[in-house]
């Protein structure tokens, strides 16, 4: 019933025990367990929102990095540092 992964074993054990108690009390209801955490639906609007958010973040990051390197080189030039 259980796979070797412990994260899957506990829900299966609870499912087996719950269904056993339901049968013991002559109930017609049953519990069901799925291996998926959430029902995944394709949402194009959410994908676009995430894509453009990350794209904007990367553009800001890309615009901010070159001046950082340039300022570092200017500071090195001012103090006349040399690499060994």
PDB file of N, CA and C in Angstrom:
ATOM      1  N   UNK A   1       0.817  -1.202   0.000  1.00  0.00           N
ATOM      2  CA  UNK A   1       0.000   0.000   0.000  1.00  0.00           C
ATOM      3  C   UNK A   1       0.854   1.257   0.000  1.00  0.00           C
ATOM      4  N   UNK A   2       1.915   1.260   0.798  1.00  0.00           N
ATOM      5  CA  UNK A   2       2.750   2.459   0.923  1.00  0.00           C
ATOM      6  C   UNK A   2       3.979   2.346   0.036  1.00  0.00           C
ATOM      7  N   UNK A   3       4.361   3.471  -0.510  1.00  0.00           N
ATOM      8  CA  UNK A   3       5.617   3.509  -1.250  1.00  0.00           C
ATOM      9  C   UNK A   3       6.744   3.724  -0.241  1.00  0.00           C
ATOM     10  N   UNK A   4       7.993   3.553  -0.654  1.00  0.00           N
ATOM     11  CA  UNK A   4       9.098   3.709   0.300  1.00  0.00           C
ATOM     12  C   UNK A   4       9.260   5.140   0.823  1.00  0.00           C
ATOM     13  N   UNK A   5       8.624   6.106   0.173  1.00  0.00           N
ATOM     14  CA  UNK A   5       8.744   7.489   0.620  1.00  0.00           C
ATOM     15  C   UNK A   5       7.800   7.718   1.806  1.00  0.00           C
ATOM     16  N   UNK A   6       8.305   8.229   2.916  1.00  0.00           N
ATOM     17  CA  UNK A   6       7.454   8.375   4.104  1.00  0.00           C
ATOM     18  C   UNK A   6       6.360   9.429   3.933  1.00  0.00           C
ATOM     19  N   UNK A   7       6.545  10.376   3.026  1.00  0.00           N
ATOM     20  CA  UNK A   7       5.526  11.416   2.860  1.00  0.00           C
ATOM     21  C   UNK A   7       4.234  10.830   2.287  1.00  0.00           C
ATOM     22  N   UNK A   8       4.325   9.728   1.556  1.00  0.00           N
ATOM     23  CA  UNK A   8       3.136   9.105   0.982  1.00  0.00           C
ATOM     24  C   UNK A   8       2.521   8.063   1.907  1.00  0.00           C
ATOM     25  N   UNK A   9       3.280   7.561   2.843  1.00  0.00           N
ATOM     26  CA  UNK A   9       2.813   6.457   3.673  1.00  0.00           C
ATOM     27  C   UNK A   9       1.779   6.898   4.704  1.00  0.00           C
ATOM     28  N   UNK A  10       1.980   8.038   5.356  1.00  0.00           N
ATOM     29  CA  UNK A  10       1.053   8.470   6.398  1.00  0.00           C
ATOM     30  C   UNK A  10      -0.358   8.737   5.862  1.00  0.00           C
ATOM     31  N   UNK A  11      -0.514   9.469   4.747  1.00  0.00           N
ATOM     32  CA  UNK A  11      -1.882   9.649   4.235  1.00  0.00           C
ATOM     33  C   UNK A  11      -2.555   8.332   3.859  1.00  0.00           C
ATOM     34  N   UNK A  12      -1.804   7.393   3.314  1.00  0.00           N
ATOM     35  CA  UNK A  12      -2.398   6.099   2.974  1.00  0.00           C
ATOM     36  C   UNK A  12      -2.819   5.341   4.228  1.00  0.00           C
ATOM     37  N   UNK A  13      -1.999   5.417   5.268  1.00  0.00           N
ATOM     38  CA  UNK A  13      -2.340   4.755   6.524  1.00  0.00           C
ATOM     39  C   UNK A  13      -3.604   5.357   7.135  1.00  0.00           C
ATOM     40  N   UNK A  14      -3.703   6.683   7.120  1.00  0.00           N
ATOM     41  CA  UNK A  14      -4.905   7.345   7.642  1.00  0.00           C
ATOM     42  C   UNK A  14      -6.117   6.968   6.801  1.00  0.00           C
ATOM     43  N   UNK A  15      -5.952   6.879   5.502  1.00  0.00           N
ATOM     44  CA  UNK A  15      -7.054   6.493   4.614  1.00  0.00           C
ATOM     45  C   UNK A  15      -7.528   5.080   4.936  1.00  0.00           C
ATOM     46  N   UNK A  16      -6.609   4.148   5.103  1.00  0.00           N
ATOM     47  CA  UNK A  16      -6.977   2.768   5.399  1.00  0.00           C
ATOM     48  C   UNK A  16      -7.698   2.671   6.741  1.00  0.00           C
ATOM     49  N   UNK A  17      -7.150   3.357   7.755  1.00  0.00           N
ATOM     50  CA  UNK A  17      -7.790   3.322   9.074  1.00  0.00           C
ATOM     51  C   UNK A  17      -9.164   3.986   9.059  1.00  0.00           C
ATOM     52  N   UNK A  18      -9.292   5.101   8.392  1.00  0.00           N
ATOM     53  CA  UNK A  18     -10.581   5.803   8.337  1.00  0.00           C
ATOM     54  C   UNK A  18     -11.633   4.960   7.641  1.00  0.00           C
ATOM     55  N   UNK A  19     -11.270   4.369   6.508  1.00  0.00           N
ATOM     56  CA  UNK A  19     -12.226   3.524   5.793  1.00  0.00           C
ATOM     57  C   UNK A  19     -12.568   2.276   6.594  1.00  0.00           C
ATOM     58  N   UNK A  20     -11.605   1.761   7.350  1.00  0.00           N
ATOM     59  CA  UNK A  20     -11.899   0.597   8.201  1.00  0.00           C
ATOM     60  C   UNK A  20     -12.909   0.955   9.281  1.00  0.00           C
ATOM     61  N   UNK A  21     -12.731   2.117   9.914  1.00  0.00           N
ATOM     62  CA  UNK A  21     -13.693   2.542  10.939  1.00  0.00           C
ATOM     63  C   UNK A  21     -15.068   2.836  10.336  1.00  0.00           C
ATOM     64  N   UNK A  22     -15.096   3.399   9.134  1.00  0.00           N
ATOM     65  CA  UNK A  22     -16.382   3.653   8.487  1.00  0.00           C
ATOM     66  C   UNK A  22     -17.108   2.339   8.189  1.00  0.00           C
ATOM     67  N   UNK A  23     -16.375   1.328   7.710  1.00  0.00           N
ATOM     68  CA  UNK A  23     -16.997   0.029   7.444  1.00  0.00           C
ATOM     69  C   UNK A  23     -17.442  -0.643   8.736  1.00  0.00           C
ATOM     70  N   UNK A  24     -16.664  -0.433   9.801  1.00  0.00           N
ATOM     71  CA  UNK A  24     -16.996  -1.019  11.083  1.00  0.00           C
ATOM     72  C   UNK A  24     -18.340  -0.497  11.599  1.00  0.00           C
ATOM     73  N   UNK A  25     -18.617   0.772  11.341  1.00  0.00           N
ATOM     74  CA  UNK A  25     -19.871   1.379  11.781  1.00  0.00           C
ATOM     75  C   UNK A  25     -20.951   1.353  10.704  1.00  0.00           C
ATOM     76  N   UNK A  26     -20.788   0.498   9.685  1.00  0.00           N
ATOM     77  CA  UNK A  26     -21.762   0.288   8.613  1.00  0.00           C
ATOM     78  C   UNK A  26     -22.116   1.572   7.866  1.00  0.00           C
ATOM     79  N   UNK A  27     -21.136   2.356   7.589  1.00  0.00           N
ATOM     80  CA  UNK A  27     -21.354   3.581   6.825  1.00  0.00           C
ATOM     81  C   UNK A  27     -21.082   3.316   5.350  1.00  0.00           C
ATOM     82  N   UNK A  28     -21.805   4.012   4.490  1.00  0.00           N
ATOM     83  CA  UNK A  28     -21.578   3.838   3.050  1.00  0.00           C
ATOM     84  C   UNK A  28     -20.581   4.870   2.518  1.00  0.00           C
ATOM     85  N   UNK A  29     -20.166   5.834   3.342  1.00  0.00           N
ATOM     86  CA  UNK A  29     -19.203   6.854   2.902  1.00  0.00           C
ATOM     87  C   UNK A  29     -17.791   6.267   2.897  1.00  0.00           C
ATOM     88  N   UNK A  30     -16.946   6.810   2.033  1.00  0.00           N
ATOM     89  CA  UNK A  30     -15.552   6.376   1.933  1.00  0.00           C
ATOM     90  C   UNK A  30     -14.659   7.593   1.741  1.00  0.00           C
ATOM     91  N   UNK A  31     -13.431   7.487   2.224  1.00  0.00           N
ATOM     92  CA  UNK A  31     -12.409   8.504   1.985  1.00  0.00           C
ATOM     93  C   UNK A  31     -11.589   8.094   0.781  1.00  0.00           C
ATOM     94  N   UNK A  32     -11.166   9.083   0.023  1.00  0.00           N
ATOM     95  CA  UNK A  32     -10.280   8.825  -1.116  1.00  0.00           C
ATOM     96  C   UNK A  32      -9.032   9.689  -0.960  1.00  0.00           C
ATOM     97  N   UNK A  33      -7.889   9.145  -1.356  1.00  0.00           N
ATOM     98  CA  UNK A  33      -6.616   9.855  -1.263  1.00  0.00           C
ATOM     99  C   UNK A  33      -6.013   9.954  -2.652  1.00  0.00           C
ATOM    100  N   UNK A  34      -5.523  11.155  -3.002  1.00  0.00           N
ATOM    101  CA  UNK A  34      -4.852  11.380  -4.276  1.00  0.00           C
ATOM    102  C   UNK A  34      -3.381  11.641  -4.021  1.00  0.00           C
ATOM    103  N   UNK A  35      -2.569  11.334  -4.988  1.00  0.00           N
ATOM    104  CA  UNK A  35      -1.138  11.585  -4.842  1.00  0.00           C
ATOM    105  C   UNK A  35      -0.751  13.000  -5.259  1.00  0.00           C
ATOM    106  N   UNK A  36      -1.635  13.728  -5.932  1.00  0.00           N
ATOM    107  CA  UNK A  36      -1.352  15.111  -6.313  1.00  0.00           C
ATOM    108  C   UNK A  36      -1.750  16.026  -5.171  1.00  0.00           C
ATOM    109  N   UNK A  37      -0.918  17.034  -4.904  1.00  0.00           N
ATOM    110  CA  UNK A  37      -1.243  17.964  -3.832  1.00  0.00           C
ATOM    111  C   UNK A  37      -2.386  18.893  -4.205  1.00  0.00           C
ATOM    112  N   UNK A  38      -2.346  19.434  -5.403  1.00  0.00           N
ATOM    113  CA  UNK A  38      -3.352  20.373  -5.847  1.00  0.00           C
ATOM    114  C   UNK A  38      -3.813  20.003  -7.249  1.00  0.00           C
ATOM    115  N   UNK A  39      -5.026  20.372  -7.555  1.00  0.00           N
ATOM    116  CA  UNK A  39      -5.503  20.195  -8.918  1.00  0.00           C
ATOM    117  C   UNK A  39      -4.912  21.316  -9.760  1.00  0.00           C
ATOM    118  N   UNK A  40      -4.102  20.962 -10.729  1.00  0.00           N
ATOM    119  CA  UNK A  40      -3.394  21.962 -11.525  1.00  0.00           C
ATOM    120  C   UNK A  40      -4.196  22.270 -12.782  1.00  0.00           C
ATOM    121  N   UNK A  41      -4.508  23.539 -12.952  1.00  0.00           N
ATOM    122  CA  UNK A  41      -5.194  23.985 -14.153  1.00  0.00           C
ATOM    123  C   UNK A  41      -4.302  24.937 -14.914  1.00  0.00           C
ATOM    124  N   UNK A  42      -4.408  24.930 -16.208  1.00  0.00           N
ATOM    125  CA  UNK A  42      -3.640  25.828 -17.055  1.00  0.00           C
ATOM    126  C   UNK A  42      -4.300  27.200 -17.024  1.00  0.00           C
ATOM    127  N   UNK A  43      -3.560  28.218 -16.605  1.00  0.00           N
ATOM    128  CA  UNK A  43      -4.083  29.569 -16.539  1.00  0.00           C
ATOM    129  C   UNK A  43      -3.137  30.484 -17.302  1.00  0.00           C
ATOM    130  N   UNK A  44      -3.533  30.886 -18.504  1.00  0.00           N
ATOM    131  CA  UNK A  44      -2.672  31.701 -19.366  1.00  0.00           C
ATOM    132  C   UNK A  44      -2.449  33.087 -18.782  1.00  0.00           C
ATOM    133  N   UNK A  45      -3.451  33.642 -18.135  1.00  0.00           N
ATOM    134  CA  UNK A  45      -3.310  34.987 -17.569  1.00  0.00           C
ATOM    135  C   UNK A  45      -2.269  34.998 -16.441  1.00  0.00           C
ATOM    136  N   UNK A  46      -2.276  33.980 -15.623  1.00  0.00           N
ATOM    137  CA  UNK A  46      -1.298  33.892 -14.541  1.00  0.00           C
ATOM    138  C   UNK A  46       0.104  33.693 -15.101  1.00  0.00           C
ATOM    139  N   UNK A  47       0.232  32.883 -16.137  1.00  0.00           N
ATOM    140  CA  UNK A  47       1.532  32.679 -16.764  1.00  0.00           C
ATOM    141  C   UNK A  47       2.083  33.985 -17.312  1.00  0.00           C
ATOM    142  N   UNK A  48       1.218  34.769 -17.986  1.00  0.00           N
ATOM    143  CA  UNK A  48       1.663  36.053 -18.525  1.00  0.00           C
ATOM    144  C   UNK A  48       2.071  37.001 -17.406  1.00  0.00           C
ATOM    145  N   UNK A  49       1.320  37.013 -16.325  1.00  0.00           N
ATOM    146  CA  UNK A  49       1.626  37.883 -15.191  1.00  0.00           C
ATOM    147  C   UNK A  49       2.994  37.537 -14.604  1.00  0.00           C
ATOM    148  N   UNK A  50       3.242  36.258 -14.410  1.00  0.00           N
ATOM    149  CA  UNK A  50       4.529  35.821 -13.853  1.00  0.00           C
ATOM    150  C   UNK A  50       5.658  36.115 -14.828  1.00  0.00           C
ATOM    151  N   UNK A  51       5.435  35.833 -16.114  1.00  0.00           N
ATOM    152  CA  UNK A  51       6.480  36.064 -17.112  1.00  0.00           C
ATOM    153  C   UNK A  51       6.862  37.530 -17.170  1.00  0.00           C
ATOM    154  N   UNK A  52       5.886  38.429 -17.264  1.00  0.00           N
ATOM    155  CA  UNK A  52       6.209  39.843 -17.392  1.00  0.00           C
ATOM    156  C   UNK A  52       6.764  40.409 -16.084  1.00  0.00           C
ATOM    157  N   UNK A  53       6.362  39.865 -14.946  1.00  0.00           N
ATOM    158  CA  UNK A  53       6.948  40.289 -13.675  1.00  0.00           C
ATOM    159  C   UNK A  53       8.419  39.922 -13.601  1.00  0.00           C
ATOM    160  N   UNK A  54       8.751  38.681 -13.957  1.00  0.00           N
ATOM    161  CA  UNK A  54      10.148  38.258 -13.946  1.00  0.00           C
ATOM    162  C   UNK A  54      10.957  38.972 -15.016  1.00  0.00           C
ATOM    163  N   UNK A  55      10.353  39.212 -16.165  1.00  0.00           N
ATOM    164  CA  UNK A  55      11.038  39.923 -17.246  1.00  0.00           C
ATOM    165  C   UNK A  55      11.384  41.344 -16.814  1.00  0.00           C
ATOM    166  N   UNK A  56      10.449  42.026 -16.165  1.00  0.00           N
ATOM    167  CA  UNK A  56      10.704  43.379 -15.668  1.00  0.00           C
ATOM    168  C   UNK A  56      11.803  43.372 -14.622  1.00  0.00           C
ATOM    169  N   UNK A  57      11.777  42.400 -13.736  1.00  0.00           N
ATOM    170  CA  UNK A  57      12.806  42.286 -12.711  1.00  0.00           C
ATOM    171  C   UNK A  57      14.186  42.097 -13.345  1.00  0.00           C
ATOM    172  N   UNK A  58      14.264  41.238 -14.347  1.00  0.00           N
ATOM    173  CA  UNK A  58      15.545  41.007 -15.014  1.00  0.00           C
ATOM    174  C   UNK A  58      16.022  42.238 -15.766  1.00  0.00           C
ATOM    175  N   UNK A  59      15.107  42.990 -16.350  1.00  0.00           N
ATOM    176  CA  UNK A  59      15.516  44.222 -17.032  1.00  0.00           C
ATOM    177  C   UNK A  59      16.102  45.230 -16.052  1.00  0.00           C
ATOM    178  N   UNK A  60      15.480  45.383 -14.903  1.00  0.00           N
ATOM    179  CA  UNK A  60      16.008  46.297 -13.887  1.00  0.00           C
ATOM    180  C   UNK A  60      17.358  45.808 -13.392  1.00  0.00           C
ATOM    181  N   UNK A  61      17.494  44.518 -13.184  1.00  0.00           N
ATOM    182  CA  UNK A  61      18.758  43.948 -12.741  1.00  0.00           C
ATOM    183  C   UNK A  61      19.840  44.153 -13.801  1.00  0.00           C
ATOM    184  N   UNK A  62      19.499  43.915 -15.066  1.00  0.00           N
ATOM    185  CA  UNK A  62      20.469  44.078 -16.142  1.00  0.00           C
ATOM    186  C   UNK A  62      20.871  45.539 -16.310  1.00  0.00           C
ATOM    187  N   UNK A  63      19.958  46.470 -16.036  1.00  0.00           N
ATOM    188  CA  UNK A  63      20.293  47.889 -16.149  1.00  0.00           C
ATOM    189  C   UNK A  63      21.155  48.357 -14.987  1.00  0.00           C
ATOM    190  N   UNK A  64      21.085  47.684 -13.849  1.00  0.00           N
ATOM    191  CA  UNK A  64      21.827  48.113 -12.673  1.00  0.00           C
ATOM    192  C   UNK A  64      23.209  47.517 -12.542  1.00  0.00           C
ATOM    193  N   UNK A  65      23.486  46.397 -13.174  1.00  0.00           N
ATOM    194  CA  UNK A  65      24.784  45.749 -13.006  1.00  0.00           C
ATOM    195  C   UNK A  65      25.933  46.428 -13.747  1.00  0.00           C
ATOM    196  N   UNK A  66      25.811  46.842 -14.999  1.00  0.00           N
ATOM    197  CA  UNK A  66      26.955  47.465 -15.683  1.00  0.00           C
ATOM    198  C   UNK A  66      27.497  48.707 -14.977  1.00  0.00           C
ATOM    199  N   UNK A  67      26.667  49.621 -14.457  1.00  0.00           N
ATOM    200  CA  UNK A  67      27.249  50.749 -13.726  1.00  0.00           C
ATOM    201  C   UNK A  67      28.018  50.313 -12.479  1.00  0.00           C
ATOM    202  N   UNK A  68      27.597  49.229 -11.855  1.00  0.00           N
ATOM    203  CA  UNK A  68      28.311  48.728 -10.685  1.00  0.00           C
ATOM    204  C   UNK A  68      29.728  48.310 -11.055  1.00  0.00           C
ATOM    205  N   UNK A  69      29.870  47.589 -12.163  1.00  0.00           N
ATOM    206  CA  UNK A  69      31.200  47.179 -12.604  1.00  0.00           C
ATOM    207  C   UNK A  69      32.020  48.375 -13.060  1.00  0.00           C
ATOM    208  N   UNK A  70      31.389  49.330 -13.717  1.00  0.00           N
ATOM    209  CA  UNK A  70      32.101  50.517 -14.190  1.00  0.00           C
ATOM    210  C   UNK A  70      32.623  51.330 -13.016  1.00  0.00           C
ATOM    211  N   UNK A  71      31.817  51.499 -11.983  1.00  0.00           N
ATOM    212  CA  UNK A  71      32.254  52.265 -10.814  1.00  0.00           C
ATOM    213  C   UNK A  71      33.396  51.555 -10.102  1.00  0.00           C
ATOM    214  N   UNK A  72      33.355  50.244 -10.070  1.00  0.00           N
ATOM    215  CA  UNK A  72      34.437  49.484  -9.451  1.00  0.00           C
ATOM    216  C   UNK A  72      35.742  49.715 -10.207  1.00  0.00           C
ATOM    217  N   UNK A  73      35.673  49.715 -11.535  1.00  0.00           N
ATOM    218  CA  UNK A  73      36.876  49.930 -12.343  1.00  0.00           C
ATOM    219  C   UNK A  73      37.392  51.344 -12.185  1.00  0.00           C
ATOM    220  N   UNK A  74      36.499  52.334 -12.073  1.00  0.00           N
ATOM    221  CA  UNK A  74      36.922  53.719 -11.894  1.00  0.00           C
ATOM    222  C   UNK A  74      37.612  53.881 -10.548  1.00  0.00           C
ATOM    223  N   UNK A  75      37.056  53.257  -9.500  1.00  0.00           N
ATOM    224  CA  UNK A  75      37.686  53.331  -8.181  1.00  0.00           C
ATOM    225  C   UNK A  75      39.064  52.682  -8.198  1.00  0.00           C
ATOM    226  N   UNK A  76      39.186  51.566  -8.878  1.00  0.00           N
ATOM    227  CA  UNK A  76      40.499  50.905  -8.994  1.00  0.00           C
ATOM    228  C   UNK A  76      41.486  51.819  -9.714  1.00  0.00           C
ATOM    229  N   UNK A  77      41.028  52.517 -10.725  1.00  0.00           N
ATOM    230  CA  UNK A  77      41.910  53.409 -11.477  1.00  0.00           C
ATOM    231  C   UNK A  77      42.342  54.584 -10.615  1.00  0.00           C
ATOM    232  N   UNK A  78      41.427  55.125  -9.790  1.00  0.00           N
ATOM    233  CA  UNK A  78      41.743  56.268  -8.950  1.00  0.00           C
ATOM    234  C   UNK A  78      42.802  55.933  -7.906  1.00  0.00           C
ATOM    235  N   UNK A  79      42.723  54.758  -7.305  1.00  0.00           N
ATOM    236  CA  UNK A  79      43.701  54.385  -6.285  1.00  0.00           C
ATOM    237  C   UNK A  79      44.910  53.676  -6.882  1.00  0.00           C
ATOM    238  N   UNK A  80      44.934  53.557  -8.175  1.00  0.00           N
ATOM    239  CA  UNK A  80      46.046  52.948  -8.945  1.00  0.00           C
ATOM    240  C   UNK A  80      46.344  51.529  -8.453  1.00  0.00           C
ATOM    241  N   UNK A  81      45.282  50.753  -8.298  1.00  0.00           N
ATOM    242  CA  UNK A  81      45.484  49.374  -7.879  1.00  0.00           C
ATOM    243  C   UNK A  81      45.851  48.522  -9.081  1.00  0.00           C
ATOM    244  N   UNK A  82      46.642  47.514  -8.821  1.00  0.00           N
ATOM    245  CA  UNK A  82      47.036  46.588  -9.896  1.00  0.00           C
ATOM    246  C   UNK A  82      46.786  45.178  -9.418  1.00  0.00           C
ATOM    247  N   UNK A  83      46.489  44.299 -10.329  1.00  0.00           N
ATOM    248  CA  UNK A  83      46.299  42.896  -9.983  1.00  0.00           C
ATOM    249  C   UNK A  83      47.626  42.176 -10.158  1.00  0.00           C
ATOM    250  N   UNK A  84      47.859  41.195  -9.305  1.00  0.00           N
ATOM    251  CA  UNK A  84      49.139  40.480  -9.334  1.00  0.00           C
ATOM    252  C   UNK A  84      49.195  39.485 -10.432  1.00  0.00           C
TER     253      UNK A  84
END
